[in-house]
């Protein structure tokens, strides 16, 4: 028992030292400690709100513009082709009845036809019998190989050229339609009359104008509907048919009765058989 007394005393002494005496205020803390506590926030105090910086408005990021596609060059539309003017009826007349000259003999049709052509082209008239005889004789002299001693279409063309009435040429066409179309085109282009070799090469008429569905100089499809002619045998006519009045319009059908193919190989005119024209050429 005696051995445990000192230990008990030691425990009691420590407890007495740790507990404050009753009625005694605790010793004040050092100043530094007090000031630190005063500065420390009280647990029950409302915390002062921390001022937050007002966020500045942030500019929206500038969108990078999408690359603009370069427009492809627009092809300029080709202009619409201008339609040719619609064909209009066409007519031409180079002569008047005053240009008509009858043949004074049954043989002188070429002489009379040359006189009429000269009158139309030069507007100078000499209708005497003597003049007609001289013209016929000159055409006969320029004719080569005629078995009848007369003036043939080749001599007719040569006499016109010699009179300086513009160039003429004897031509042969393979069909009636081709001959009429060719005659009309030459007449419109040259403004000179055309010689028609009638009766299969035996007679001469002068074509002085025509009517057509269009101008043959501008429209290939133009069709000649009527022709103007002068038959130096008027008013007598022949077994081939009546002679049209001077410078009268006649139908293709009427013309075709006397304007027929010439096909006599034994008598060479220097052209192929066909429908013959004494044609003005430029």
Protein backbone atom coordinates (compact mmCIF):
# COMPACT_ATOMS: atom_id res chain seq x y z
CA UNK A 1 0.00 0.00 0.00
CA UNK A 2 2.67 2.54 0.96
CA UNK A 3 4.40 2.05 -2.35
CA UNK A 4 1.49 3.56 -4.38
CA UNK A 5 1.03 6.90 -2.54
CA UNK A 6 3.58 8.92 -4.45
CA UNK A 7 1.99 8.02 -7.82
CA UNK A 8 -1.46 9.10 -6.70
CA UNK A 9 -0.17 12.35 -5.43
CA UNK A 10 1.50 13.07 -8.73
CA UNK A 11 -1.78 12.58 -10.64
CA UNK A 12 -3.69 14.88 -8.35
CA UNK A 13 -1.05 17.56 -8.61
CA UNK A 14 -1.30 17.52 -12.39
CA UNK A 15 -5.08 17.81 -12.35
CA UNK A 16 -4.93 20.76 -9.98
CA UNK A 17 -2.53 22.52 -12.21
CA UNK A 18 -4.72 22.10 -15.35
CA UNK A 19 -8.14 23.24 -13.90
CA UNK A 20 -8.70 27.01 -13.27
CA UNK A 21 -9.45 28.19 -9.81
CA UNK A 22 -13.18 28.85 -9.12
CA UNK A 23 -14.12 32.62 -9.33
CA UNK A 24 -10.91 33.63 -10.98
CA UNK A 25 -11.04 35.22 -14.50
CA UNK A 26 -8.74 33.71 -16.93
CA UNK A 27 -5.61 35.62 -17.68
CA UNK A 28 -5.89 37.90 -20.75
CA UNK A 29 -4.22 36.76 -23.91
CA UNK A 30 -1.28 38.57 -25.25
CA UNK A 31 -2.03 41.63 -27.40
CA UNK A 32 -0.85 40.05 -30.54
CA UNK A 33 -3.10 37.11 -30.01
CA UNK A 34 -6.12 39.38 -29.29
CA UNK A 35 -5.65 41.44 -32.39
CA UNK A 36 -5.41 38.33 -34.50
CA UNK A 37 -8.66 37.04 -33.06
CA UNK A 38 -10.39 40.40 -33.61
CA UNK A 39 -9.34 40.38 -37.23
CA UNK A 40 -10.54 36.84 -37.73
CA UNK A 41 -14.13 36.60 -38.87
CA UNK A 42 -16.69 35.56 -36.35
CA UNK A 43 -18.43 32.31 -37.08
CA UNK A 44 -21.86 33.89 -36.67
CA UNK A 45 -21.13 37.03 -38.71
CA UNK A 46 -22.57 37.32 -42.26
CA UNK A 47 -19.68 37.10 -44.61
CA UNK A 48 -19.03 40.21 -46.64
CA UNK A 49 -19.75 39.40 -50.27
CA UNK A 50 -16.64 39.39 -52.28
CA UNK A 51 -16.87 41.97 -55.05
CA UNK A 52 -16.68 40.23 -58.35
CA UNK A 53 -15.40 41.95 -61.42
CA UNK A 54 -18.18 42.54 -63.90
CA UNK A 55 -17.26 40.46 -66.90
CA UNK A 56 -16.68 42.53 -69.98
CA UNK A 57 -18.84 41.64 -72.93
CA UNK A 58 -16.89 39.37 -75.12
CA UNK A 59 -17.08 40.22 -78.79
CA UNK A 60 -18.42 37.38 -80.82
CA UNK A 61 -15.67 35.85 -82.83
CA UNK A 62 -15.69 37.23 -86.35
CA UNK A 63 -16.65 34.50 -88.72
CA UNK A 64 -14.22 34.04 -91.52
CA UNK A 65 -16.22 34.74 -94.69
CA UNK A 66 -16.59 31.77 -96.93
CA UNK A 67 -14.67 32.21 -100.16
CA UNK A 68 -16.92 33.60 -102.88
CA UNK A 69 -16.97 31.42 -105.92
CA UNK A 70 -15.97 33.28 -109.05
CA UNK A 71 -18.95 33.11 -111.38
CA UNK A 72 -18.28 31.19 -114.51
CA UNK A 73 -18.31 33.43 -117.58
CA UNK A 74 -21.72 33.38 -119.19
CA UNK A 75 -21.59 32.57 -122.84
CA UNK A 76 -23.17 35.32 -124.91
CA UNK A 77 -26.06 33.73 -126.78
CA UNK A 78 -25.55 33.74 -130.49
CA UNK A 79 -27.95 36.09 -132.25
CA UNK A 80 -30.88 34.37 -133.81
CA UNK A 81 -30.50 34.20 -137.57
CA UNK A 82 -32.61 36.79 -139.29
CA UNK A 83 -35.21 35.16 -141.42
CA UNK A 84 -35.07 36.25 -145.03
CA UNK A 85 -37.94 38.48 -146.09
CA UNK A 86 -40.99 36.61 -147.23
CA UNK A 87 -41.15 36.31 -151.01
CA UNK A 88 -43.35 38.87 -152.70
CA UNK A 89 -44.76 38.69 -156.22
CA UNK A 90 -42.40 40.23 -158.74
CA UNK A 91 -43.00 41.74 -162.16
CA UNK A 92 -40.86 43.54 -164.71
CA UNK A 93 -41.66 45.07 -168.10
CA UNK A 94 -38.93 46.59 -170.27
CA UNK A 95 -41.03 47.61 -173.27
CA UNK A 96 -44.18 49.26 -174.52
CA UNK A 97 -46.25 48.65 -177.62
CA UNK A 98 -44.32 51.50 -179.26
CA UNK A 99 -41.26 49.23 -179.35
CA UNK A 100 -43.01 46.67 -181.54
CA UNK A 101 -41.89 46.31 -185.16
CA UNK A 102 -43.49 43.78 -187.57
CA UNK A 103 -41.35 41.77 -189.91
CA UNK A 104 -41.73 43.08 -193.44
CA UNK A 105 -41.16 39.69 -195.09
CA UNK A 106 -41.71 36.17 -193.87
CA UNK A 107 -37.93 35.71 -193.68
CA UNK A 108 -36.99 38.84 -191.72
CA UNK A 109 -38.09 37.82 -188.23
CA UNK A 110 -34.49 38.06 -186.94
CA UNK A 111 -34.08 41.54 -188.44
CA UNK A 112 -37.34 42.71 -186.80
CA UNK A 113 -36.35 41.15 -183.46
CA UNK A 114 -33.00 42.97 -183.54
CA UNK A 115 -34.83 46.25 -184.25
CA UNK A 116 -37.14 45.74 -181.25
CA UNK A 117 -34.25 44.91 -178.93
CA UNK A 118 -32.35 48.01 -180.09
CA UNK A 119 -35.41 50.18 -179.50
CA UNK A 120 -35.91 48.83 -175.96
CA UNK A 121 -32.23 49.12 -174.98
CA UNK A 122 -31.41 52.51 -176.52
CA UNK A 123 -34.88 54.09 -176.69
CA UNK A 124 -33.97 55.03 -180.26
CA UNK A 125 -36.32 53.81 -182.99
CA UNK A 126 -35.73 53.24 -186.69
CA UNK A 127 -38.61 51.16 -188.01
CA UNK A 128 -37.93 51.53 -191.69
CA UNK A 129 -37.97 48.60 -194.05
CA UNK A 130 -34.47 49.46 -195.23
CA UNK A 131 -33.11 49.35 -191.68
CA UNK A 132 -34.76 46.00 -191.04
CA UNK A 133 -33.31 44.59 -194.25
CA UNK A 134 -29.77 45.71 -193.30
CA UNK A 135 -30.04 44.13 -189.85
CA UNK A 136 -31.31 40.86 -191.28
CA UNK A 137 -28.55 40.78 -193.89
CA UNK A 138 -25.89 41.39 -191.22
CA UNK A 139 -27.23 38.54 -189.06
CA UNK A 140 -27.26 36.31 -192.16
CA UNK A 141 -23.65 37.22 -192.94
CA UNK A 142 -22.63 36.28 -189.40
CA UNK A 143 -24.46 32.96 -189.68
CA UNK A 144 -22.21 29.97 -190.40
CA UNK A 145 -23.41 26.93 -192.32
CA UNK A 146 -27.08 27.76 -192.82
CA UNK A 147 -28.53 25.47 -195.52
CA UNK A 148 -31.37 27.92 -196.20
CA UNK A 149 -29.41 31.11 -196.84
CA UNK A 150 -31.11 32.83 -193.91
CA UNK A 151 -30.11 34.20 -190.49
CA UNK A 152 -29.96 31.64 -187.71
CA UNK A 153 -29.85 32.18 -183.91
CA UNK A 154 -26.03 32.22 -183.84
CA UNK A 155 -26.02 35.07 -186.39
CA UNK A 156 -28.76 36.82 -184.36
CA UNK A 157 -26.57 36.86 -181.22
CA UNK A 158 -23.50 37.96 -183.20
CA UNK A 159 -25.39 40.89 -184.78
CA UNK A 160 -26.59 42.13 -181.38
CA UNK A 161 -23.01 42.05 -180.09
CA UNK A 162 -21.78 43.95 -183.13
CA UNK A 163 -24.35 46.72 -182.49
CA UNK A 164 -22.88 47.25 -179.02
CA UNK A 165 -26.16 46.50 -177.25
CA UNK A 166 -24.47 44.53 -174.50
CA UNK A 167 -23.16 41.01 -174.78
CA UNK A 168 -25.49 38.27 -175.99
CA UNK A 169 -24.89 34.52 -176.19
CA UNK A 170 -26.76 31.62 -177.78
CA UNK A 171 -27.48 29.00 -175.10
CA UNK A 172 -29.39 25.73 -175.00
CA UNK A 173 -31.34 24.50 -171.95
CA UNK A 174 -32.44 20.89 -171.48
CA UNK A 175 -36.05 21.62 -170.46
CA UNK A 176 -38.76 24.18 -171.06
CA UNK A 177 -38.90 25.14 -167.37
CA UNK A 178 -35.14 25.63 -167.18
CA UNK A 179 -35.22 27.85 -170.26
CA UNK A 180 -38.04 30.05 -168.93
CA UNK A 181 -36.36 30.42 -165.53
CA UNK A 182 -32.99 31.24 -167.10
CA UNK A 183 -34.53 33.80 -169.44
CA UNK A 184 -36.36 35.53 -166.58
CA UNK A 185 -33.26 35.69 -164.39
CA UNK A 186 -31.11 37.14 -167.19
CA UNK A 187 -33.75 39.72 -168.06
CA UNK A 188 -34.08 40.84 -164.43
CA UNK A 189 -30.31 41.01 -163.92
CA UNK A 190 -29.36 42.82 -167.15
CA UNK A 191 -32.56 44.81 -167.84
CA UNK A 192 -32.25 43.75 -171.48
CA UNK A 193 -34.69 41.68 -173.57
CA UNK A 194 -34.17 37.99 -174.30
CA UNK A 195 -34.42 36.31 -177.70
CA UNK A 196 -36.62 33.20 -177.81
CA UNK A 197 -35.93 30.72 -180.62
CA UNK A 198 -39.41 29.47 -181.51
CA UNK A 199 -40.85 26.70 -183.68
CA UNK A 200 -37.96 24.29 -183.04
CA UNK A 201 -35.44 26.79 -184.42
CA UNK A 202 -37.45 28.38 -187.26
CA UNK A 203 -38.73 31.67 -185.81
CA UNK A 204 -37.76 34.55 -183.48
CA UNK A 205 -39.66 36.22 -180.63
CA UNK A 206 -38.53 38.81 -178.11
CA UNK A 207 -39.22 38.35 -174.38
CA UNK A 208 -39.72 41.79 -172.79
CA UNK A 209 -40.83 41.01 -169.24
CA UNK A 210 -42.51 38.54 -166.91
CA UNK A 211 -44.44 37.96 -163.70
CA UNK A 212 -43.21 35.59 -160.99
CA UNK A 213 -44.02 34.48 -157.47
CA UNK A 214 -40.82 36.19 -156.26
CA UNK A 215 -37.78 38.05 -157.52
CA UNK A 216 -35.62 35.35 -159.14
CA UNK A 217 -32.49 37.31 -158.25
CA UNK A 218 -33.24 36.82 -154.54
CA UNK A 219 -35.24 33.60 -154.33
CA UNK A 220 -34.24 30.39 -156.04
CA UNK A 221 -37.76 29.05 -155.61
CA UNK A 222 -39.30 31.91 -157.63
CA UNK A 223 -41.61 30.58 -160.32
CA UNK A 224 -42.37 32.49 -163.50
CA UNK A 225 -46.13 32.49 -164.07
CA UNK A 226 -46.46 34.65 -167.20
CA UNK A 227 -44.14 36.19 -169.77
CA UNK A 228 -44.35 39.28 -171.98
CA UNK A 229 -43.46 38.67 -175.61
CA UNK A 230 -43.38 40.30 -179.01
CA UNK A 231 -43.93 38.17 -182.11
CA UNK A 232 -42.87 40.10 -185.23
CA UNK A 233 -45.33 38.03 -187.24
CA UNK A 234 -48.30 39.61 -185.42
CA UNK A 235 -51.16 39.71 -186.33
CA UNK A 236 -50.87 36.90 -188.84
CA UNK A 237 -50.03 33.83 -186.74
CA UNK A 238 -49.10 30.48 -188.26
CA UNK A 239 -49.79 26.77 -188.04
CA UNK A 240 -47.99 26.87 -184.69
CA UNK A 241 -50.67 29.12 -183.23
CA UNK A 242 -51.91 32.68 -182.98
CA UNK A 243 -49.45 35.55 -182.56
CA UNK A 244 -49.88 37.32 -179.18
CA UNK A 245 -50.53 41.04 -179.25
CA UNK A 246 -47.34 43.10 -178.78
CA UNK A 247 -45.97 43.06 -175.21
CA UNK A 248 -48.86 40.96 -173.93
CA UNK A 249 -48.57 38.72 -170.89
CA UNK A 250 -49.14 35.09 -171.81
CA UNK A 251 -49.20 31.95 -169.68
CA UNK A 252 -46.48 29.34 -169.63
CA UNK A 253 -48.89 26.94 -171.29
CA UNK A 254 -49.49 29.32 -174.19
CA UNK A 255 -45.77 29.92 -174.59
CA UNK A 256 -45.02 26.19 -174.53
CA UNK A 257 -47.14 25.60 -177.65
CA UNK A 258 -44.67 27.49 -179.82
CA UNK A 259 -41.48 27.54 -177.74
CA UNK A 260 -40.40 23.95 -178.25
CA UNK A 261 -37.21 21.93 -178.28
CA UNK A 262 -34.91 22.32 -181.22
CA UNK A 263 -33.34 19.00 -182.17
CA UNK A 264 -31.84 18.94 -185.65
CA UNK A 265 -28.37 17.38 -185.44
CA UNK A 266 -27.86 17.75 -189.19
CA UNK A 267 -27.90 21.53 -188.83
CA UNK A 268 -25.37 22.59 -186.18
CA UNK A 269 -25.97 25.85 -184.31
CA UNK A 270 -22.90 25.22 -182.16
CA UNK A 271 -25.02 24.25 -179.12
CA UNK A 272 -26.63 21.07 -177.86
CA UNK A 273 -30.23 20.26 -178.80
CA UNK A 274 -32.71 21.90 -176.44
CA UNK A 275 -34.72 25.05 -175.83
CA UNK A 276 -32.67 27.88 -177.32
CA UNK A 277 -32.23 31.42 -175.99
CA UNK A 278 -30.37 34.46 -177.31
CA UNK A 279 -29.43 35.45 -173.79
CA UNK A 280 -28.13 38.80 -172.46
CA UNK A 281 -25.11 38.24 -170.23
CA UNK A 282 -23.04 40.60 -168.06
